[in-house]
Amino acid sequence: MTTNPCHIIVVGTGIVGASVAYHLSQRNARVTLLDGASQPARGVTDKSFAWITAGHVAEPHLSFRKQAIAEWHRLEDELSGKLKIDWSGALSWFKDEAEAERIVREAGRSGSKVHLVSRKEINYLEPYLKAVPNQALFAQDEGALDPTRTTELLVAVAREAGASVQLGTRVLSLTTSGSRVTGVVTANGTLTADMLVLATGTGTAVLCEPLGLKLPIDASPAILMRFYTEHRFVNRIVSNPLMEIRAASDNLLLAAEDFINESVENSPQAIADRTLKAIKEHWNGTEQTRLIDVRVGERPVPQDGLPVIGQTAGIGGLYITVMHPGVLLAALAGRLAASELLSGQQESILAAYRPGRFR
């Protein structure tokens, strides 16, 4: 196949950058993928709970997220079984049962496949659960993946397709000529390209600031807890006021929680201790469950909560891809970014997410 003469540098081997590089490589672009870490997915990606869910957002953003879920199915097919996603769905309940009923009504209007299940159905879905609620939401189309393995897979396939993957190559700044970005200065030297993609999460704003591009991206800390389990006792994602958990394997349970504050009682370790206590109180078969470790990831959350994807008027050669939730959006964002970079045509579905909205 003929290689596209356009040379594109992608900075960042988190799941978003890996997806961009993968999709570019599948379209025969000349790709260089850079990261300061020695392995892919060593930023926020390997600290992600990796729940593939559309969540409860308004249109048009709900449709965008639904398409993002569909893109993961496409990528599963495209990678011919190499990509493993657990599509067992998600079971959620709330302190106020009326909240579940409200969500179901909204889901009905939007066409989302979410419905209420009874106590009997919950028992069937999660037989190890001790404290069974009267009802819960079951989102049957939702799932989860291993974000580190998925990222490593995308990077490996991109490399097989000809991408140059340079790990341990930290980007210090961007190079410019006039109003155009021409490449990057790294700890190992300067690299030039026709286009530069930044998939650098919370590090994006500092790289863009010398260009006069202000990107209000907050670092939103989240806690990922990993527990050893003697056997699998959770069949799908379970979210309730006490915990958000899923089985990553027969012997590995993941739990997620928002960072609360800097106090001792709300430290990551204290939250992990409380979560373990809640798991043992509310699930059977958890006697041997114990904490492996706690990780804190800095999620890149734009100030308005929406993804930042695309180029900015007045700055040539630069393409931004920063978003939360990155795991959910990565497959779709990677494909759309590759399409825009190589075709020069804008994807209308990305209109609300351009960096220029902050200028």
Protein backbone atom coordinates (compact mmCIF):
# COMPACT_ATOMS: atom_id res chain seq x y z
CA MET A 1 0.00 0.00 0.00
CA THR A 2 1.08 3.60 -0.62
CA THR A 3 2.06 5.51 2.51
CA ASN A 4 0.44 8.89 2.99
CA PRO A 5 3.28 11.43 2.65
CA CYS A 6 1.92 13.50 5.56
CA HIS A 7 4.06 12.97 8.67
CA ILE A 8 2.05 13.19 11.89
CA ILE A 9 3.50 13.19 15.39
CA VAL A 10 1.16 12.00 18.14
CA VAL A 11 2.25 12.93 21.66
CA GLY A 12 0.87 10.70 24.39
CA THR A 13 0.44 6.93 24.62
CA GLY A 14 -2.62 6.95 26.80
CA ILE A 15 -5.68 5.29 25.34
CA VAL A 16 -6.68 8.38 23.33
CA GLY A 17 -3.25 8.93 21.77
CA ALA A 18 -2.93 5.21 21.07
CA SER A 19 -6.30 5.24 19.31
CA VAL A 20 -5.34 8.24 17.17
CA ALA A 21 -2.04 6.60 16.20
CA TYR A 22 -3.77 3.29 15.47
CA HIS A 23 -6.42 4.85 13.23
CA LEU A 24 -3.84 6.95 11.39
CA SER A 25 -1.65 3.90 10.82
CA GLN A 26 -4.58 1.94 9.40
CA ARG A 27 -4.96 4.69 6.80
CA ASN A 28 -1.27 4.41 5.86
CA ALA A 29 -0.18 7.69 7.42
CA ARG A 30 3.43 8.18 8.47
CA VAL A 31 3.09 8.28 12.24
CA THR A 32 5.52 8.95 15.06
CA LEU A 33 4.14 8.22 18.53
CA LEU A 34 5.96 9.79 21.48
CA ASP A 35 5.74 9.47 25.25
CA GLY A 36 8.04 10.24 28.13
CA ALA A 37 7.08 7.02 29.91
CA SER A 38 8.88 3.75 29.24
CA GLN A 39 5.60 1.93 28.50
CA PRO A 40 2.20 2.93 27.08
CA ALA A 41 -0.75 3.83 29.31
CA ARG A 42 1.34 5.03 32.23
CA GLY A 43 -0.52 8.31 32.80
CA VAL A 44 -4.16 8.39 33.81
CA THR A 45 -5.09 5.45 31.55
CA ASP A 46 -3.77 2.69 33.80
CA LYS A 47 -5.64 4.25 36.71
CA SER A 48 -9.00 4.18 34.96
CA PHE A 49 -11.98 2.10 36.07
CA ALA A 50 -12.75 1.88 32.32
CA TRP A 51 -16.54 1.77 32.43
CA ILE A 52 -17.94 2.09 28.92
CA THR A 53 -21.14 3.98 29.67
CA ALA A 54 -23.02 6.85 28.06
CA GLY A 55 -23.89 8.12 31.52
CA HIS A 56 -26.64 10.63 32.08
CA VAL A 57 -25.87 13.64 29.90
CA ALA A 58 -28.05 15.86 27.73
CA GLU A 59 -28.22 15.87 23.96
CA PRO A 60 -26.34 16.24 21.68
CA HIS A 61 -23.65 14.84 23.96
CA LEU A 62 -25.64 11.70 24.75
CA SER A 63 -25.77 10.77 21.06
CA PHE A 64 -22.01 11.35 20.83
CA ARG A 65 -21.42 8.99 23.75
CA LYS A 66 -23.75 6.37 22.30
CA GLN A 67 -21.79 6.49 19.07
CA ALA A 68 -18.62 6.13 21.15
CA ILE A 69 -19.96 2.87 22.59
CA ALA A 70 -20.80 1.62 19.10
CA GLU A 71 -17.23 2.42 18.02
CA TRP A 72 -15.86 -0.02 20.57
CA HIS A 73 -17.95 -2.76 18.97
CA ARG A 74 -16.57 -1.73 15.58
CA LEU A 75 -13.03 -1.86 16.91
CA GLU A 76 -13.62 -5.30 18.40
CA ASP A 77 -14.62 -6.57 14.96
CA GLU A 78 -11.77 -4.73 13.25
CA LEU A 79 -9.17 -6.28 15.55
CA SER A 80 -10.53 -9.80 14.97
CA GLY A 81 -10.78 -10.96 18.55
CA LYS A 82 -7.57 -9.38 19.85
CA LEU A 83 -9.53 -6.75 21.77
CA LYS A 84 -11.45 -8.13 24.75
CA ILE A 85 -14.38 -6.14 26.15
CA ASP A 86 -16.73 -7.40 28.84
CA TRP A 87 -20.26 -6.44 27.74
CA SER A 88 -22.05 -7.83 30.82
CA GLY A 89 -23.82 -4.55 31.51
CA ALA A 90 -24.05 -2.42 34.63
CA LEU A 91 -26.31 -2.63 37.66
CA SER A 92 -26.91 0.60 39.61
CA TRP A 93 -29.07 1.74 42.48
CA PHE A 94 -29.42 4.90 44.52
CA LYS A 95 -30.40 6.14 47.98
CA ASP A 96 -33.56 7.56 46.43
CA GLU A 97 -35.44 4.96 44.37
CA ALA A 98 -37.18 7.79 42.51
CA GLU A 99 -33.81 8.63 40.93
CA ALA A 100 -33.71 5.26 39.17
CA GLU A 101 -37.25 5.74 37.90
CA ARG A 102 -36.38 9.21 36.59
CA ILE A 103 -33.36 7.86 34.71
CA VAL A 104 -35.45 5.09 33.16
CA ARG A 105 -38.00 7.64 31.93
CA GLU A 106 -35.23 9.75 30.37
CA ALA A 107 -33.66 6.64 28.85
CA GLY A 108 -36.99 5.74 27.27
CA ARG A 109 -37.17 9.14 25.60
CA SER A 110 -33.60 8.88 24.30
CA GLY A 111 -33.79 5.24 23.21
CA SER A 112 -31.17 4.02 25.70
CA LYS A 113 -31.41 0.37 26.72
CA VAL A 114 -31.81 0.89 30.45
CA HIS A 115 -34.59 -0.69 32.49
CA LEU A 116 -35.60 -1.38 36.07
CA VAL A 117 -35.05 -4.84 37.51
CA SER A 118 -36.73 -6.30 40.59
CA ARG A 119 -35.17 -7.75 43.73
CA LYS A 120 -35.66 -11.25 42.28
CA GLU A 121 -33.90 -10.28 39.05
CA ILE A 122 -31.05 -8.66 40.98
CA ASN A 123 -30.61 -11.89 42.93
CA TYR A 124 -30.33 -13.75 39.64
CA LEU A 125 -27.86 -11.25 38.16
CA GLU A 126 -25.69 -11.01 41.29
CA PRO A 127 -26.24 -14.12 43.47
CA TYR A 128 -23.41 -13.25 45.91
CA LEU A 129 -25.00 -9.94 46.88
CA LYS A 130 -26.21 -9.91 50.51
CA ALA A 131 -28.10 -6.63 50.79
CA VAL A 132 -30.36 -6.74 47.75
CA PRO A 133 -32.26 -3.51 46.98
CA ASN A 134 -35.93 -3.46 46.00
CA GLN A 135 -35.02 -2.42 42.48
CA ALA A 136 -32.05 -1.33 40.38
CA LEU A 137 -31.17 0.02 36.97
CA PHE A 138 -29.77 -2.47 34.50
CA ALA A 139 -27.89 -0.98 31.55
CA GLN A 140 -27.48 -4.07 29.41
CA ASP A 141 -25.37 -2.48 26.66
CA GLU A 142 -22.63 -1.16 28.90
CA GLY A 143 -19.29 -2.78 29.51
CA ALA A 144 -15.68 -2.44 30.59
CA LEU A 145 -12.22 -3.16 29.26
CA ASP A 146 -8.65 -3.44 30.47
CA PRO A 147 -7.37 0.05 29.60
CA THR A 148 -3.68 -0.83 29.82
CA ARG A 149 -3.87 -3.94 27.65
CA THR A 150 -6.15 -2.18 25.17
CA THR A 151 -3.73 0.73 24.87
CA GLU A 152 -0.77 -1.61 24.49
CA LEU A 153 -2.66 -3.49 21.77
CA LEU A 154 -3.45 -0.32 19.81
CA VAL A 155 0.17 0.81 20.04
CA ALA A 156 1.44 -2.62 18.96
CA VAL A 157 -0.88 -2.77 15.94
CA ALA A 158 0.08 0.78 14.97
CA ARG A 159 3.74 -0.21 15.16
CA GLU A 160 3.09 -3.28 13.01
CA ALA A 161 1.49 -0.98 10.44
CA GLY A 162 4.63 1.14 10.31
CA ALA A 163 4.28 3.69 13.10
CA SER A 164 7.50 4.74 14.83
CA VAL A 165 6.92 4.37 18.57
CA GLN A 166 9.43 6.28 20.68
CA LEU A 167 8.91 5.70 24.38
CA GLY A 168 11.09 7.40 26.96
CA THR A 169 10.95 10.52 24.78
CA ARG A 170 9.57 13.39 26.84
CA VAL A 171 8.23 16.38 24.94
CA LEU A 172 9.49 19.64 26.45
CA SER A 173 7.94 22.20 24.10
CA LEU A 174 6.54 22.79 20.63
CA THR A 175 8.44 24.30 17.71
CA THR A 176 6.83 26.89 15.46
CA SER A 177 7.36 28.81 12.26
CA GLY A 178 5.19 31.89 12.18
CA SER A 179 1.71 30.84 13.25
CA ARG A 180 2.28 27.17 12.48
CA VAL A 181 3.42 24.37 14.78
CA THR A 182 6.22 22.47 13.09
CA GLY A 183 7.23 19.85 15.62
CA VAL A 184 8.44 19.21 19.14
CA VAL A 185 11.53 19.65 21.26
CA THR A 186 12.14 16.46 23.23
CA ALA A 187 14.68 15.42 25.81
CA ASN A 188 16.35 13.50 22.96
CA GLY A 189 16.29 16.23 20.31
CA THR A 190 13.94 18.07 17.95
CA LEU A 191 11.44 16.31 15.67
CA THR A 192 9.50 17.94 12.85
CA ALA A 193 6.15 16.99 11.33
CA ASP A 194 3.40 18.22 9.06
CA MET A 195 0.85 17.87 11.86
CA LEU A 196 1.16 17.48 15.61
CA VAL A 197 -1.49 15.77 17.74
CA LEU A 198 -1.49 16.41 21.47
CA ALA A 199 -3.08 13.61 23.48
CA THR A 200 -1.36 14.77 26.63
CA GLY A 201 -4.20 15.02 29.13
CA THR A 202 -3.55 17.44 31.96
CA GLY A 203 -0.19 18.36 30.41
CA THR A 204 -1.80 19.87 27.31
CA ALA A 205 -2.42 23.39 28.62
CA VAL A 206 1.22 24.08 29.50
CA LEU A 207 2.39 22.97 26.03
CA CYS A 208 -0.19 25.19 24.31
CA GLU A 209 0.23 28.29 26.47
CA PRO A 210 3.27 29.69 24.58
CA LEU A 211 1.10 29.67 21.44
CA GLY A 212 -1.41 31.99 23.08
CA LEU A 213 -3.90 29.14 23.27
CA LYS A 214 -5.55 29.00 26.69
CA LEU A 215 -7.10 25.64 27.44
CA PRO A 216 -8.86 25.52 30.83
CA ILE A 217 -8.27 21.87 31.68
CA ASP A 218 -8.62 20.83 35.29
CA ALA A 219 -6.87 17.88 36.87
CA SER A 220 -9.68 15.92 38.52
CA PRO A 221 -8.20 13.24 40.79
CA ALA A 222 -9.90 9.86 40.99
CA ILE A 223 -9.03 6.80 43.02
CA LEU A 224 -8.69 3.28 41.60
CA MET A 225 -8.46 0.45 44.11
CA ARG A 226 -7.34 -3.08 43.23
CA PHE A 227 -8.33 -6.02 45.41
CA TYR A 228 -7.30 -9.66 45.38
CA THR A 229 -10.29 -12.02 45.39
CA GLU A 230 -10.23 -15.76 45.95
CA HIS A 231 -12.88 -16.14 43.27
CA ARG A 232 -15.18 -13.96 41.16
CA PHE A 233 -18.24 -12.84 43.11
CA VAL A 234 -19.33 -9.89 40.95
CA ASN A 235 -20.67 -10.59 37.47
CA ARG A 236 -20.82 -7.07 36.04
CA ILE A 237 -20.27 -3.45 36.97
CA VAL A 238 -22.14 -2.66 40.17
CA SER A 239 -22.60 0.95 41.26
CA ASN A 240 -24.40 2.10 44.40
CA PRO A 241 -23.95 4.71 47.15
CA LEU A 242 -21.31 2.58 48.88
CA MET A 243 -19.18 1.32 46.02
CA GLU A 244 -18.44 1.16 42.31
CA ILE A 245 -16.88 -2.21 41.54
CA ARG A 246 -16.24 -4.74 38.80
CA ALA A 247 -14.30 -7.96 38.40
CA ALA A 248 -11.31 -7.54 36.10
CA SER A 249 -10.62 -11.29 36.40
CA ASP A 250 -11.40 -14.17 38.75
CA ASN A 251 -8.80 -12.90 41.21
CA LEU A 252 -8.85 -9.14 40.63
CA LEU A 253 -11.58 -6.75 41.69
CA LEU A 254 -11.50 -3.05 40.78
CA ALA A 255 -13.22 -0.27 42.69
CA ALA A 256 -13.42 3.42 41.85
CA GLU A 257 -14.10 6.50 43.94
CA ASP A 258 -13.78 10.24 43.49
CA PHE A 259 -11.04 12.00 45.41
CA ILE A 260 -12.75 13.87 48.27
CA ASN A 261 -10.18 16.08 49.99
CA GLU A 262 -6.73 16.07 51.59
CA SER A 263 -7.89 15.06 55.08
CA VAL A 264 -6.54 11.93 56.75
CA GLU A 265 -10.01 10.37 56.95
CA ASN A 266 -10.47 10.84 53.20
CA SER A 267 -7.00 9.80 52.07
CA PRO A 268 -6.82 7.20 49.28
CA GLN A 269 -5.82 4.56 51.83
CA ALA A 270 -8.73 5.45 54.14
CA ILE A 271 -11.17 5.31 51.23
CA ALA A 272 -9.77 1.91 50.22
CA ASP A 273 -10.18 0.63 53.78
CA ARG A 274 -13.82 1.79 53.86
CA THR A 275 -14.49 0.27 50.45
CA LEU A 276 -13.05 -3.09 51.50
CA LYS A 277 -15.19 -3.03 54.65
CA ALA A 278 -18.32 -2.27 52.58
CA ILE A 279 -17.52 -5.05 50.11
CA LYS A 280 -17.16 -7.62 52.89
CA GLU A 281 -20.37 -6.44 54.56
CA HIS A 282 -22.48 -6.52 51.40
CA TRP A 283 -21.15 -9.52 49.44
CA ASN A 284 -20.82 -13.20 50.25
CA GLY A 285 -17.64 -15.07 49.43
CA THR A 286 -15.36 -12.16 50.28
CA GLU A 287 -13.54 -13.53 53.33
CA GLN A 288 -10.15 -13.64 51.57
CA THR A 289 -10.57 -10.37 49.70
CA ARG A 290 -7.72 -7.95 50.41
CA LEU A 291 -6.34 -4.70 49.06
CA ILE A 292 -3.50 -4.92 46.54
CA ASP A 293 -2.92 -1.22 45.94
CA VAL A 294 -4.49 2.20 45.51
CA ARG A 295 -3.80 4.47 42.54
CA VAL A 296 -4.72 8.11 42.03
CA GLY A 297 -5.19 9.30 38.46
CA GLU A 298 -5.44 12.92 37.31
CA ARG A 299 -8.35 12.99 34.88
CA PRO A 300 -8.17 15.81 32.31
CA VAL A 301 -11.53 17.57 32.57
CA PRO A 302 -12.07 20.67 30.39
CA GLN A 303 -13.75 23.49 32.32
CA ASP A 304 -17.09 23.03 30.57
CA GLY A 305 -16.93 19.24 30.93
CA LEU A 306 -16.85 18.62 27.18
CA PRO A 307 -14.10 17.03 25.05
CA VAL A 308 -11.56 19.23 23.28
CA ILE A 309 -10.96 17.80 19.81
CA GLY A 310 -9.61 19.46 16.69
CA GLN A 311 -7.63 22.37 15.32
CA THR A 312 -7.78 26.04 16.30
CA ALA A 313 -8.15 28.93 13.88
CA GLY A 314 -4.92 30.89 13.61
CA ILE A 315 -2.68 28.02 14.70
CA GLY A 316 -1.71 25.67 11.92
CA GLY A 317 -0.26 22.20 12.30
CA LEU A 318 -1.77 21.50 15.72
CA TYR A 319 -4.59 19.09 16.63
CA ILE A 320 -5.84 18.71 20.21
CA THR A 321 -7.41 15.56 21.71
CA VAL A 322 -8.17 16.00 25.41
CA MET A 323 -11.27 14.52 27.01
CA HIS A 324 -12.99 12.84 29.91
CA PRO A 325 -14.11 10.07 29.96
CA GLY A 326 -11.18 9.12 27.77
CA VAL A 327 -11.74 5.36 27.75
CA LEU A 328 -15.34 5.74 26.59
CA LEU A 329 -14.50 8.24 23.84
CA ALA A 330 -11.11 6.94 22.68
CA ALA A 331 -12.23 4.69 19.82
CA LEU A 332 -14.54 7.30 18.30
CA ALA A 333 -12.22 10.24 18.89
CA GLY A 334 -9.30 8.35 17.35
CA ARG A 335 -11.20 7.49 14.19
CA LEU A 336 -12.64 10.99 13.74
CA ALA A 337 -9.30 12.67 14.42
CA ALA A 338 -7.56 10.45 11.86
CA SER A 339 -10.26 11.24 9.32
CA GLU A 340 -9.94 15.00 9.82
CA LEU A 341 -6.15 14.96 9.80
CA LEU A 342 -5.87 13.00 6.57
CA SER A 343 -8.87 14.30 4.63
CA GLY A 344 -8.76 17.93 5.69
CA GLN A 345 -12.54 17.77 6.04
CA GLN A 346 -14.23 18.58 9.35
CA GLU A 347 -16.50 16.03 11.00
CA SER A 348 -19.74 17.83 11.89
CA ILE A 349 -20.28 15.68 14.99
CA LEU A 350 -17.22 17.37 16.55
CA ALA A 351 -18.50 20.93 16.07
CA ALA A 352 -19.33 21.42 19.77
CA TYR A 353 -15.91 20.22 20.90
CA ARG A 354 -13.45 22.51 19.14
CA PRO A 355 -10.62 24.17 21.11
CA GLY A 356 -11.61 27.56 19.71
CA ARG A 357 -14.61 27.78 22.02
CA PHE A 358 -12.26 28.89 24.82
CA ARG A 359 -10.69 31.80 22.92
